[in-house]
Amino acid sequence: MSYYASYSGEIKIKLNGFNKAADKACEIFDEVSAYKNELDISGYSKFYGDDIEKFLASIAADTIEGELRYIGEDSTYWKYTFVDGEWKEYDGDIVYINEEQAPKEINLSELAGQLIDQVQDTLPLGFEIKGNVYDKLKSKLIDTLRNWNLI
């Protein structure tokens, strides 16, 4: 199965490693333009994550700064950003500023259960909250949230 993505980005390279990085970029990406010590990359093609990550790792020592942004054919977003001497991958979402958001319906029972689970996962209680105790705690937690007008 093929997975296609559109991409764009800019990578600033140290002059001594620029030609090697530009040559490698031209092997992988559709469109690469070079100006001074910066590569501008863009295109739409089949996505091979391993090849991209190998390329980025191979130029990391010569990279000054950079970012490579992707939008997958299924509208997923991710990017690679050069941070503290290495390339890191980040997943993304589009957020429209000032757009009115419809309030999400809150399932109180689910929320209370998640809170109890989080407490058990982060605090060394020495016992497990389950059964009747779990149900009573969940009920009290829902009442408390309602009384405090938190939800």
C-alpha atoms as a PDB file:
ATOM      1  CA  MET A   1       0.000   0.000   0.000  1.00  0.00           C
ATOM      2  CA  SER A   2       1.267   3.454  -0.882  1.00  0.00           C
ATOM      3  CA  TYR A   3       1.035   6.510   1.315  1.00  0.00           C
ATOM      4  CA  TYR A   4       1.420   9.889  -0.300  1.00  0.00           C
ATOM      5  CA  ALA A   5       2.177  13.197   1.354  1.00  0.00           C
ATOM      6  CA  SER A   6       2.836  16.785   0.410  1.00  0.00           C
ATOM      7  CA  TYR A   7       5.739  18.481   2.103  1.00  0.00           C
ATOM      8  CA  SER A   8       7.699  21.687   2.347  1.00  0.00           C
ATOM      9  CA  GLY A   9      10.562  22.899   4.407  1.00  0.00           C
ATOM     10  CA  GLU A  10      13.750  24.831   4.788  1.00  0.00           C
ATOM     11  CA  ILE A  11      17.088  23.554   6.029  1.00  0.00           C
ATOM     12  CA  LYS A  12      20.055  25.798   6.711  1.00  0.00           C
ATOM     13  CA  ILE A  13      23.355  23.924   6.343  1.00  0.00           C
ATOM     14  CA  LYS A  14      26.953  24.790   7.275  1.00  0.00           C
ATOM     15  CA  LEU A  15      28.872  25.737   4.146  1.00  0.00           C
ATOM     16  CA  ASN A  16      31.363  22.857   4.402  1.00  0.00           C
ATOM     17  CA  GLY A  17      28.561  20.257   4.283  1.00  0.00           C
ATOM     18  CA  PHE A  18      26.187  22.057   1.944  1.00  0.00           C
ATOM     19  CA  ASN A  19      27.012  20.347  -1.375  1.00  0.00           C
ATOM     20  CA  LYS A  20      26.771  16.854   0.114  1.00  0.00           C
ATOM     21  CA  ALA A  21      23.419  17.692   1.779  1.00  0.00           C
ATOM     22  CA  ALA A  22      22.058  19.259  -1.415  1.00  0.00           C
ATOM     23  CA  ASP A  23      23.025  16.200  -3.485  1.00  0.00           C
ATOM     24  CA  LYS A  24      21.342  13.834  -1.008  1.00  0.00           C
ATOM     25  CA  ALA A  25      18.222  16.027  -0.860  1.00  0.00           C
ATOM     26  CA  CYS A  26      17.894  15.930  -4.662  1.00  0.00           C
ATOM     27  CA  GLU A  27      17.879  12.117  -4.531  1.00  0.00           C
ATOM     28  CA  ILE A  28      14.908  12.034  -2.132  1.00  0.00           C
ATOM     29  CA  PHE A  29      12.700  15.088  -2.709  1.00  0.00           C
ATOM     30  CA  ASP A  30      10.736  16.280  -5.761  1.00  0.00           C
ATOM     31  CA  GLU A  31      11.841  19.894  -5.714  1.00  0.00           C
ATOM     32  CA  VAL A  32      14.996  21.200  -4.078  1.00  0.00           C
ATOM     33  CA  SER A  33      16.249  24.710  -4.562  1.00  0.00           C
ATOM     34  CA  ALA A  34      19.503  25.879  -3.071  1.00  0.00           C
ATOM     35  CA  TYR A  35      20.452  29.423  -2.209  1.00  0.00           C
ATOM     36  CA  LYS A  36      23.626  30.298  -0.303  1.00  0.00           C
ATOM     37  CA  ASN A  37      23.533  27.729   2.518  1.00  0.00           C
ATOM     38  CA  GLU A  38      19.792  27.026   2.578  1.00  0.00           C
ATOM     39  CA  LEU A  39      17.789  24.237   0.973  1.00  0.00           C
ATOM     40  CA  ASP A  40      14.134  24.861   0.148  1.00  0.00           C
ATOM     41  CA  ILE A  41      12.328  21.554  -0.234  1.00  0.00           C
ATOM     42  CA  SER A  42       8.813  20.855  -1.475  1.00  0.00           C
ATOM     43  CA  GLY A  43       6.737  18.323  -3.320  1.00  0.00           C
ATOM     44  CA  TYR A  44       4.099  15.614  -3.270  1.00  0.00           C
ATOM     45  CA  SER A  45       5.195  11.995  -3.452  1.00  0.00           C
ATOM     46  CA  LYS A  46       5.116   8.587  -1.847  1.00  0.00           C
ATOM     47  CA  PHE A  47       6.316   8.892   1.751  1.00  0.00           C
ATOM     48  CA  TYR A  48       9.204   6.719   2.885  1.00  0.00           C
ATOM     49  CA  GLY A  49       9.779   7.667   6.530  1.00  0.00           C
ATOM     50  CA  ASP A  50      12.926   5.567   6.942  1.00  0.00           C
ATOM     51  CA  ASP A  51      14.575   7.291   3.959  1.00  0.00           C
ATOM     52  CA  ILE A  52      13.657  10.745   5.274  1.00  0.00           C
ATOM     53  CA  GLU A  53      14.948   9.962   8.765  1.00  0.00           C
ATOM     54  CA  LYS A  54      18.221   8.501   7.389  1.00  0.00           C
ATOM     55  CA  PHE A  55      18.706  11.612   5.275  1.00  0.00           C
ATOM     56  CA  LEU A  56      18.069  13.933   8.216  1.00  0.00           C
ATOM     57  CA  ALA A  57      20.399  11.915  10.471  1.00  0.00           C
ATOM     58  CA  SER A  58      23.120  12.031   7.809  1.00  0.00           C
ATOM     59  CA  ILE A  59      23.021  15.845   7.611  1.00  0.00           C
ATOM     60  CA  ALA A  60      22.479  16.537  11.326  1.00  0.00           C
ATOM     61  CA  ALA A  61      26.152  17.303  12.018  1.00  0.00           C
ATOM     62  CA  ASP A  62      26.103  20.013   9.331  1.00  0.00           C
ATOM     63  CA  THR A  63      22.614  21.397  10.027  1.00  0.00           C
ATOM     64  CA  ILE A  64      22.262  24.860  11.559  1.00  0.00           C
ATOM     65  CA  GLU A  65      18.456  24.927  11.673  1.00  0.00           C
ATOM     66  CA  GLY A  66      15.572  23.433   9.802  1.00  0.00           C
ATOM     67  CA  GLU A  67      12.039  22.205   9.578  1.00  0.00           C
ATOM     68  CA  LEU A  68      10.327  19.806   7.181  1.00  0.00           C
ATOM     69  CA  ARG A  69       6.496  19.794   7.319  1.00  0.00           C
ATOM     70  CA  TYR A  70       4.204  17.048   5.986  1.00  0.00           C
ATOM     71  CA  ILE A  71       0.509  16.635   5.249  1.00  0.00           C
ATOM     72  CA  GLY A  72      -0.513  13.053   4.529  1.00  0.00           C
ATOM     73  CA  GLU A  73      -3.138  11.989   2.026  1.00  0.00           C
ATOM     74  CA  ASP A  74      -5.426  11.246   4.992  1.00  0.00           C
ATOM     75  CA  SER A  75      -4.962  14.833   6.285  1.00  0.00           C
ATOM     76  CA  THR A  76      -2.577  13.908   9.086  1.00  0.00           C
ATOM     77  CA  TYR A  77       0.088  16.453   9.956  1.00  0.00           C
ATOM     78  CA  TRP A  78       3.628  15.939  11.181  1.00  0.00           C
ATOM     79  CA  LYS A  79       6.982  17.608  10.920  1.00  0.00           C
ATOM     80  CA  TYR A  80      10.662  17.136  11.553  1.00  0.00           C
ATOM     81  CA  THR A  81      12.388  19.991  13.372  1.00  0.00           C
ATOM     82  CA  PHE A  82      16.067  20.431  14.119  1.00  0.00           C
ATOM     83  CA  VAL A  83      16.351  20.895  17.902  1.00  0.00           C
ATOM     84  CA  ASP A  84      19.486  20.787  20.074  1.00  0.00           C
ATOM     85  CA  GLY A  85      21.655  19.149  17.429  1.00  0.00           C
ATOM     86  CA  GLU A  86      19.195  16.488  16.267  1.00  0.00           C
ATOM     87  CA  TRP A  87      16.087  16.044  14.160  1.00  0.00           C
ATOM     88  CA  LYS A  88      12.897  15.353  16.093  1.00  0.00           C
ATOM     89  CA  GLU A  89       9.523  14.271  14.765  1.00  0.00           C
ATOM     90  CA  TYR A  90       6.320  15.951  15.958  1.00  0.00           C
ATOM     91  CA  ASP A  91       2.700  15.092  15.204  1.00  0.00           C
ATOM     92  CA  GLY A  92       0.410  18.009  14.540  1.00  0.00           C
ATOM     93  CA  ASP A  93      -3.096  19.367  14.223  1.00  0.00           C
ATOM     94  CA  ILE A  94      -4.491  22.483  12.631  1.00  0.00           C
ATOM     95  CA  VAL A  95      -6.090  24.927  15.041  1.00  0.00           C
ATOM     96  CA  TYR A  96      -8.021  27.872  13.706  1.00  0.00           C
ATOM     97  CA  ILE A  97      -7.647  30.906  15.936  1.00  0.00           C
ATOM     98  CA  ASN A  98     -10.856  32.695  16.974  1.00  0.00           C
ATOM     99  CA  GLU A  99     -13.055  29.938  15.593  1.00  0.00           C
ATOM    100  CA  GLU A 100     -15.989  29.274  17.852  1.00  0.00           C
ATOM    101  CA  GLN A 101     -15.768  25.768  19.165  1.00  0.00           C
ATOM    102  CA  ALA A 102     -18.856  23.735  19.872  1.00  0.00           C
ATOM    103  CA  PRO A 103     -18.738  22.679  23.516  1.00  0.00           C
ATOM    104  CA  LYS A 104     -17.782  19.044  23.878  1.00  0.00           C
ATOM    105  CA  GLU A 105     -20.194  16.876  25.784  1.00  0.00           C
ATOM    106  CA  ILE A 106     -18.516  15.595  28.923  1.00  0.00           C
ATOM    107  CA  ASN A 107     -19.186  12.061  30.058  1.00  0.00           C
ATOM    108  CA  LEU A 108     -18.896  12.480  33.840  1.00  0.00           C
ATOM    109  CA  SER A 109     -18.580   8.783  34.554  1.00  0.00           C
ATOM    110  CA  GLU A 110     -15.748   8.420  32.062  1.00  0.00           C
ATOM    111  CA  LEU A 111     -14.000  11.542  33.365  1.00  0.00           C
ATOM    112  CA  ALA A 112     -14.218  10.370  36.998  1.00  0.00           C
ATOM    113  CA  GLY A 113     -12.891   6.940  35.994  1.00  0.00           C
ATOM    114  CA  GLN A 114      -9.959   8.530  34.163  1.00  0.00           C
ATOM    115  CA  LEU A 115      -9.141  10.669  37.211  1.00  0.00           C
ATOM    116  CA  ILE A 116      -9.151   7.640  39.516  1.00  0.00           C
ATOM    117  CA  ASP A 117      -6.979   5.675  37.077  1.00  0.00           C
ATOM    118  CA  GLN A 118      -4.541   8.576  36.858  1.00  0.00           C
ATOM    119  CA  VAL A 119      -4.281   8.772  40.651  1.00  0.00           C
ATOM    120  CA  GLN A 120      -3.559   5.035  40.827  1.00  0.00           C
ATOM    121  CA  ASP A 121      -0.922   5.312  38.087  1.00  0.00           C
ATOM    122  CA  THR A 122       0.940   8.261  39.617  1.00  0.00           C
ATOM    123  CA  LEU A 123       0.662   7.861  43.391  1.00  0.00           C
ATOM    124  CA  PRO A 124       2.120   4.932  45.360  1.00  0.00           C
ATOM    125  CA  LEU A 125      -1.093   4.034  47.212  1.00  0.00           C
ATOM    126  CA  GLY A 126      -0.065   0.548  48.305  1.00  0.00           C
ATOM    127  CA  PHE A 127      -3.464  -0.797  47.272  1.00  0.00           C
ATOM    128  CA  GLU A 128      -5.655  -0.918  44.202  1.00  0.00           C
ATOM    129  CA  ILE A 129      -8.923   0.980  43.968  1.00  0.00           C
ATOM    130  CA  LYS A 130     -11.465  -1.466  42.532  1.00  0.00           C
ATOM    131  CA  GLY A 131     -14.921  -2.933  42.961  1.00  0.00           C
ATOM    132  CA  ASN A 132     -17.300  -1.230  45.393  1.00  0.00           C
ATOM    133  CA  VAL A 133     -14.660   1.247  46.579  1.00  0.00           C
ATOM    134  CA  TYR A 134     -14.017   2.271  42.954  1.00  0.00           C
ATOM    135  CA  ASP A 135     -17.742   2.780  42.281  1.00  0.00           C
ATOM    136  CA  LYS A 136     -18.302   4.795  45.495  1.00  0.00           C
ATOM    137  CA  LEU A 137     -15.232   6.964  44.871  1.00  0.00           C
ATOM    138  CA  LYS A 138     -16.354   7.552  41.294  1.00  0.00           C
ATOM    139  CA  SER A 139     -19.823   8.604  42.460  1.00  0.00           C
ATOM    140  CA  LYS A 140     -18.404  10.982  45.108  1.00  0.00           C
ATOM    141  CA  LEU A 141     -15.999  12.448  42.589  1.00  0.00           C
ATOM    142  CA  ILE A 142     -18.842  13.164  40.130  1.00  0.00           C
ATOM    143  CA  ASP A 143     -20.861  14.843  42.920  1.00  0.00           C
ATOM    144  CA  THR A 144     -17.842  16.944  43.902  1.00  0.00           C
ATOM    145  CA  LEU A 145     -17.211  18.073  40.349  1.00  0.00           C
ATOM    146  CA  ARG A 146     -20.854  19.095  39.996  1.00  0.00           C
ATOM    147  CA  ASN A 147     -20.885  20.905  43.386  1.00  0.00           C
ATOM    148  CA  TRP A 148     -17.742  22.853  42.557  1.00  0.00           C
ATOM    149  CA  ASN A 149     -19.245  23.838  39.190  1.00  0.00           C
ATOM    150  CA  LEU A 150     -16.144  22.520  37.456  1.00  0.00           C
ATOM    151  CA  ILE A 151     -18.193  20.853  34.738  1.00  0.00           C
END
